[in-house]
Structures are given as structure tokens and as C-alpha cells.
Protein backbone atom coordinates (compact mmCIF):
# COMPACT_ATOMS: atom_id res chain seq x y z
CA MET A 1 15.28 63.60 4.22
CA SER A 2 13.55 63.25 7.59
CA LYS A 3 11.93 59.92 6.76
CA LEU A 4 15.00 58.35 5.15
CA PHE A 5 16.56 56.85 8.24
CA LYS A 6 16.68 53.44 9.89
CA ARG A 7 16.56 50.98 7.00
CA VAL A 8 13.79 48.40 7.08
CA VAL A 9 13.75 45.16 5.05
CA GLU A 10 11.14 42.40 5.42
CA VAL A 11 11.36 39.11 3.51
CA ILE A 12 8.11 37.17 3.72
CA THR A 13 7.13 33.73 2.47
CA THR A 14 4.81 30.99 3.71
CA ASN A 15 5.15 30.69 7.51
CA VAL A 16 8.46 32.62 7.42
CA LYS A 17 9.12 36.31 8.06
CA MET A 18 12.69 37.61 8.13
CA ASN A 19 13.96 41.15 8.75
CA ASN A 20 17.22 43.07 8.76
CA THR A 21 17.02 43.74 12.49
CA ASP A 22 17.49 40.07 13.33
CA LEU A 23 19.43 38.92 10.25
CA ASP A 24 21.95 40.17 7.70
CA ILE A 25 20.13 40.48 4.36
CA GLU A 26 21.36 41.47 0.90
CA PHE A 27 19.55 41.66 -2.44
CA GLU A 28 19.61 42.74 -6.05
CA ILE A 29 16.12 43.15 -7.51
CA PRO A 30 15.89 44.09 -11.22
CA PHE A 31 12.74 45.29 -13.00
CA ASP A 32 11.94 46.26 -16.60
CA ASP A 33 9.17 46.65 -19.18
CA ASP A 34 9.22 43.36 -21.09
CA LEU A 35 7.63 39.94 -20.65
CA ASP A 36 10.82 38.15 -19.60
CA PRO A 37 10.53 37.29 -15.89
CA ASN A 38 13.27 39.02 -13.89
CA LEU A 39 15.46 37.00 -11.55
CA SER A 40 16.18 38.58 -8.17
CA VAL A 41 18.90 37.31 -5.86
CA VAL A 42 18.38 37.53 -2.10
CA SER A 43 21.01 36.49 0.43
CA VAL A 44 20.18 35.86 4.08
CA TYR A 45 22.86 34.89 6.59
CA ASN A 46 22.75 32.36 9.42
CA LEU A 47 19.22 31.06 9.03
CA SER A 48 18.20 28.08 11.09
CA ALA A 49 17.97 24.71 9.35
CA ASN A 50 14.23 24.72 9.96
CA THR A 51 13.80 28.07 8.19
CA ARG A 52 16.04 27.04 5.29
CA ASN A 53 13.96 23.92 4.79
CA GLN A 54 10.80 26.01 4.38
CA LEU A 55 12.18 28.02 1.46
CA LYS A 56 10.80 25.74 -1.23
CA ARG A 57 10.72 26.21 -5.00
CA GLY A 58 7.40 27.62 -6.19
CA LYS A 59 6.48 29.33 -2.93
CA MET A 60 5.52 32.99 -3.15
CA LEU A 61 7.99 35.48 -1.68
CA THR A 62 7.63 39.21 -1.12
CA ILE A 63 10.02 41.90 0.06
CA ASN A 64 9.04 45.19 1.67
CA ALA A 65 11.80 47.74 2.03
CA GLY A 66 12.36 51.36 2.92
CA TYR A 67 12.67 53.14 6.23
CA ILE A 68 11.07 52.98 9.64
CA GLU A 69 8.50 55.67 8.71
CA ASP A 70 8.12 54.84 5.01
CA LYS A 71 8.35 51.35 3.48
CA GLY A 72 6.66 49.49 0.65
CA LEU A 73 6.66 46.50 -1.69
CA ILE A 74 9.70 46.07 -3.97
CA LEU A 75 9.35 42.39 -4.93
CA SER A 76 6.53 39.92 -5.32
CA GLY A 77 7.44 36.65 -6.96
CA TYR A 78 8.07 32.95 -6.65
CA ILE A 79 11.13 31.08 -5.35
CA ASP A 80 13.04 29.55 -8.25
CA ASN A 81 15.75 27.84 -6.20
CA THR A 82 17.62 28.07 -2.92
CA THR A 83 21.21 27.19 -2.07
CA SER A 84 23.13 27.35 1.19
CA LYS A 85 26.88 27.47 1.76
CA LEU A 86 29.44 28.43 4.38
CA SER A 87 30.99 31.85 3.84
CA GLY A 88 33.75 32.22 6.39
CA ALA A 89 32.14 31.91 9.83
CA ASP A 90 28.67 32.51 8.38
CA ARG A 91 26.20 30.41 6.43
CA GLU A 92 24.80 32.22 3.41
CA THR A 93 21.43 31.17 2.03
CA VAL A 94 20.88 32.44 -1.52
CA ILE A 95 17.26 32.63 -2.66
CA LYS A 96 16.61 33.22 -6.36
CA VAL A 97 13.17 34.65 -7.08
CA LEU A 98 11.29 35.11 -10.36
CA ASP A 99 8.92 38.09 -10.44
CA SER A 100 6.20 35.97 -12.03
CA GLN A 101 5.16 32.37 -12.03
CA PRO A 102 7.47 30.39 -14.33
CA LEU A 103 6.57 31.59 -17.84
CA ASP A 104 6.97 29.29 -20.82
CA LYS A 105 8.04 31.77 -23.49
CA LYS A 106 8.02 29.03 -26.09
CA LYS A 107 4.45 27.94 -25.39
CA THR A 108 2.49 27.93 -28.63
CA LEU A 109 -1.16 28.16 -29.53
CA GLN A 110 -3.28 27.60 -32.61
CA LYS A 111 -6.52 29.53 -32.36
CA SER A 112 -8.71 31.60 -34.65
CA PHE A 113 -10.70 34.62 -33.51
CA LYS A 114 -13.88 35.73 -35.24
CA PRO A 115 -14.09 38.74 -37.60
CA GLY A 116 -14.51 42.03 -35.75
CA ILE A 117 -12.52 40.85 -32.74
CA LYS A 118 -10.74 43.61 -30.81
CA ALA A 119 -7.13 43.50 -29.67
CA GLN A 120 -8.02 43.83 -25.99
CA GLN A 121 -10.14 40.69 -26.09
CA ILE A 122 -7.39 38.71 -27.83
CA LEU A 123 -4.76 39.87 -25.32
CA SER A 124 -6.99 38.99 -22.38
CA ASP A 125 -7.54 35.51 -23.81
CA LEU A 126 -3.82 34.96 -24.45
CA ALA A 127 -2.89 36.12 -20.96
CA LYS A 128 -5.29 33.53 -19.58
CA SER A 129 -3.58 30.87 -21.73
CA LEU A 130 -0.28 31.72 -20.03
CA GLY A 131 -1.82 31.85 -16.56
CA LEU A 132 -0.94 35.52 -16.14
CA SER A 133 -2.94 37.74 -13.81
CA ILE A 134 -3.73 41.11 -15.43
CA ALA A 135 -3.11 44.28 -13.41
CA VAL A 136 -3.68 46.77 -16.24
CA LEU A 137 -4.92 46.27 -19.79
CA LYS A 138 -5.43 49.71 -21.33
CA LEU A 139 -4.62 50.09 -25.01
CA PRO A 140 -4.02 53.50 -26.61
CA LYS A 141 -5.66 52.06 -29.73
CA ASN A 142 -7.94 49.02 -29.39
CA LYS A 143 -7.38 47.73 -32.90
CA VAL A 144 -10.29 45.94 -34.61
CA TYR A 145 -9.42 42.93 -36.77
CA SER A 146 -12.23 43.06 -39.33
CA LYS A 147 -11.17 39.75 -40.92
CA GLY A 148 -10.51 38.04 -37.63
CA TYR A 149 -7.17 37.06 -36.17
CA ALA A 150 -5.28 33.76 -36.28
CA VAL A 151 -2.75 32.81 -33.63
CA ASP A 152 -0.30 30.18 -34.83
CA GLY A 153 2.91 30.27 -32.84
CA GLU A 154 4.45 31.52 -29.61
CA ILE A 155 1.92 33.21 -27.34
CA VAL A 156 4.40 35.67 -25.82
CA LYS A 157 5.56 36.93 -29.22
CA THR A 158 1.95 37.26 -30.38
CA MET A 159 1.10 39.35 -27.32
CA GLN A 160 4.11 41.57 -27.89
CA ASP A 161 3.21 42.05 -31.56
CA ILE A 162 -0.44 42.93 -30.86
CA SER A 163 0.55 45.29 -28.03
CA LYS A 164 3.01 47.07 -30.30
CA ASP A 165 0.34 47.42 -33.03
CA CYS A 166 -1.84 49.15 -30.44
CA GLY A 167 0.92 51.49 -29.21
CA ALA A 168 1.35 49.72 -25.89
CA ALA A 169 4.14 48.13 -23.87
CA CYS A 170 3.63 44.64 -22.47
CA TYR A 171 5.47 43.67 -19.29
CA ILE A 172 5.36 41.81 -15.99
CA SER A 173 5.82 43.63 -12.68
CA ARG A 174 5.42 42.20 -9.19
CA SER A 175 3.78 39.04 -10.56
CA LYS A 176 1.17 40.97 -12.57
CA LEU A 177 0.76 41.68 -16.30
CA TYR A 178 0.67 45.27 -17.52
CA ILE A 179 -0.29 46.30 -21.06
CA ARG A 180 -0.48 50.04 -21.54
CA SER A 181 1.11 53.04 -23.25
CA LEU A 182 4.73 53.82 -22.45
CA LYS A 183 3.48 57.29 -21.55
CA GLN A 184 1.09 55.96 -18.92
CA GLY A 185 1.97 54.62 -15.53
CA ASP A 186 1.35 54.82 -11.81
CA ASP A 187 1.58 58.44 -10.67
CA HIS A 188 2.60 58.34 -7.02
CA ARG A 189 2.89 62.15 -6.97
CA PHE A 190 6.42 61.61 -5.70
CA VAL A 191 9.02 64.32 -6.16
CA LEU A 192 12.58 62.99 -6.34
CA SER A 193 15.14 65.58 -5.33
CA SER A 194 18.21 65.80 -3.14
CA LYS A 195 15.83 66.26 -0.20
CA THR A 196 14.00 62.98 -0.91
CA GLY A 197 16.98 60.77 -1.75
CA LEU A 198 18.41 61.74 -5.17
CA ILE A 199 22.10 60.82 -5.36
CA GLY A 200 24.30 62.90 -7.66
CA SER A 201 23.02 64.39 -10.92
CA PRO A 202 20.65 62.67 -13.37
CA GLU A 203 22.41 61.61 -16.58
CA TYR A 204 20.56 62.62 -19.74
CA PHE A 205 20.38 60.13 -22.65
CA GLU A 206 18.90 59.83 -26.12
CA GLU A 207 18.49 56.64 -28.16
CA GLU A 208 16.74 55.37 -31.26
CA LYS A 209 14.11 52.68 -30.73
CA ASP A 210 11.87 51.41 -33.54
CA GLY A 211 12.60 54.55 -35.53
CA VAL A 212 11.65 56.85 -32.65
CA THR A 213 14.02 59.01 -30.60
CA VAL A 214 13.65 58.17 -26.91
CA LYS A 215 14.87 60.73 -24.38
CA GLY A 216 15.28 60.33 -20.68
CA TYR A 217 17.52 60.22 -17.62
CA LYS A 218 19.56 57.66 -15.72
CA ILE A 219 18.87 58.26 -12.04
CA LYS A 220 20.25 56.99 -8.74
CA SER A 221 18.60 57.50 -5.36
CA LEU A 222 18.52 56.13 -1.87
CA LEU A 223 16.39 52.99 -2.01
CA GLN A 224 12.87 54.04 -2.98
CA TYR A 225 10.06 51.50 -3.24
CA ARG A 226 7.91 53.93 -5.27
CA MET A 227 10.38 53.67 -8.14
CA ASN A 228 9.40 50.67 -10.25
CA THR A 229 8.47 49.88 -13.85
CA GLY A 230 5.69 52.23 -14.94
CA SER A 231 6.11 54.59 -11.99
CA ILE A 232 5.74 58.27 -12.84
CA ILE A 233 7.82 60.65 -10.75
CA GLU A 234 8.66 64.33 -10.71
CA LEU A 235 12.43 64.74 -11.10
CA GLN A 236 14.00 67.87 -9.64
CA ALA A 237 17.73 68.56 -9.79
CA VAL A 238 20.05 71.36 -10.80
CA GLY A 239 19.02 72.27 -14.36
CA VAL A 240 16.36 69.52 -14.45
CA LYS A 241 12.66 69.65 -13.72
CA ALA A 242 10.63 67.00 -15.53
CA LYS A 243 7.94 64.38 -15.13
CA VAL A 244 9.41 61.00 -16.15
CA ARG A 245 8.23 57.40 -16.43
CA ILE A 246 10.48 54.61 -15.19
CA ARG A 247 11.08 51.80 -17.68
CA LYS A 248 13.71 49.70 -15.89
CA GLY A 249 16.09 49.62 -12.98
CA LYS A 250 17.13 47.72 -9.87
CA HIS A 251 17.02 47.89 -6.07
CA ILE A 252 20.32 47.10 -4.31
CA PHE A 253 21.10 46.28 -0.69
CA LYS A 254 24.64 45.11 0.03
CA GLY A 255 26.69 46.15 3.05
CA ASP A 256 26.37 49.91 3.41
CA SER A 257 24.88 50.27 -0.09
CA TYR A 258 21.11 50.79 -0.13
CA TYR A 259 19.92 52.39 -3.33
CA THR A 260 17.72 52.31 -6.43
CA GLU A 261 18.99 52.90 -9.98
CA VAL A 262 16.61 53.51 -12.88
CA GLU A 263 16.25 54.61 -16.47
CA ALA A 264 13.29 56.94 -16.91
CA ILE A 265 11.89 58.39 -20.12
CA LEU A 266 10.40 61.80 -20.78
């Protein structure tokens, strides 16, 4: 627990850098493994009028959080809107942030791909059509469409369908597109235990998804930037020792609360 002291939060956008030493900051930052952009809510109190005026829609915003000896990125996105209101003696500025550029889920495309085309090439082309930057495109099975492939409809749904056919998940995280197996992720070689921030006991769950039984744990810890969609961690608790992959969760900072909650699958 030696590094988990003195909370550090940095909110950064064009020409503006805010921190929790100088300002009161709160946030709720969700993340998951689908293509729907997640909306984070960040509150900063008593900003100057000049700073408030610089928080414009469409500007990129990032948040680093953690502790004085160990911090990292928990949000990279674009300002969706900003509002400001009096809250008692304070002025609260609420910044809503999408974790990708605005994505038109209803955008359609009519395009035919030649016989012998592979799924990876189609997905790369469709991502470009949506203006998405690819972080990872690694298919468990790079399906070959011997008769070609015709896209005639919503691009997002087509990408989800092709990814599923290839045994992959398709999601946006920190403004980047990831298409890869649910069993693959970013192994930070991080062990989560009571010594590194685990709060309480992990809660085991089982559920049916697409005819497959999914098993995993619901986990709560002190805020941990390494825990994000696709992160692989080693979970150690009483009666539990397992390597798990995080599929969704949220980072919370409000008052004395400073934690991360996730669902992770075995």
C-alpha cells in the first residue's frame, strides 16, 4: 500500500491544466467493451471565467489520476458540452466528455468487396469510414469471404457482426478502436490484492451470453488507472487466485470516495 497515498488528479485540455491540489474535482468515468462512446462527467469547482470559456465542445480532454508516486491515464476523449452553475457558495462547472470523437452509429455505407477479401481488411476499411483510429486489430480467426462481401447498411452493426464471426470483441477505449479476442488484452503484470488496493471481497458471477457461460468477478479497489477495458490483472483474495480480463467498469472520485469498480471475466 506504500504507493497508494496522496491522491493526484490532472485534467488537461488545450491551454488548460487543472489539478486537485488547486481545485476541487469530481468525476465518474465509465468504460466497457462495445462501440457505444461512453459519457464521462467531470465537475470542477470555482474555475475562472477565462478557464471556463476555453472548455469548448470538440476539444480533446485527458485525465491522469492515481497517487503521488504512481499515476496514469484514465480518460482520453472529447468535450461534448460544458455547463456552469452556482452550487451554494461555489460555482460548479460540469464537463461532459465522450471517450471517442462523436460517432454516428446510424451512418450507412453501400460497398462491395472483391472475392477472397479477408475480414481484417474489411474492418480496417470500415473503421476508416467512421474516422476511428485503430489501436489493436487482431482477429482470432481472419475469415476469408470467398464470394466477396457486400456492405449495405449501418457501418457499426456491420463491424460488430464481422468481429463476432471472427471471435473478437469490438470496442472503443481512450479514443482508440480495439478489435480482438475477449481472452486477449493488455497484461500490465499487476497483482490486485488487499496490499495493492483491493476493497472487500470479489463477488463471483456466472451469466449466459450468446449461448456461452461467462464466469468472472465483480471487483472494487482504490482508484487504479491500470484497470480499464481489456486490462489483464492477477486477482488475489481469500479463496481467489485468478488471472482475469476486465470488460467494463468505472472510475469514481467524489468527496472522500476514490475508487475503481469493474467486472472481469475468467
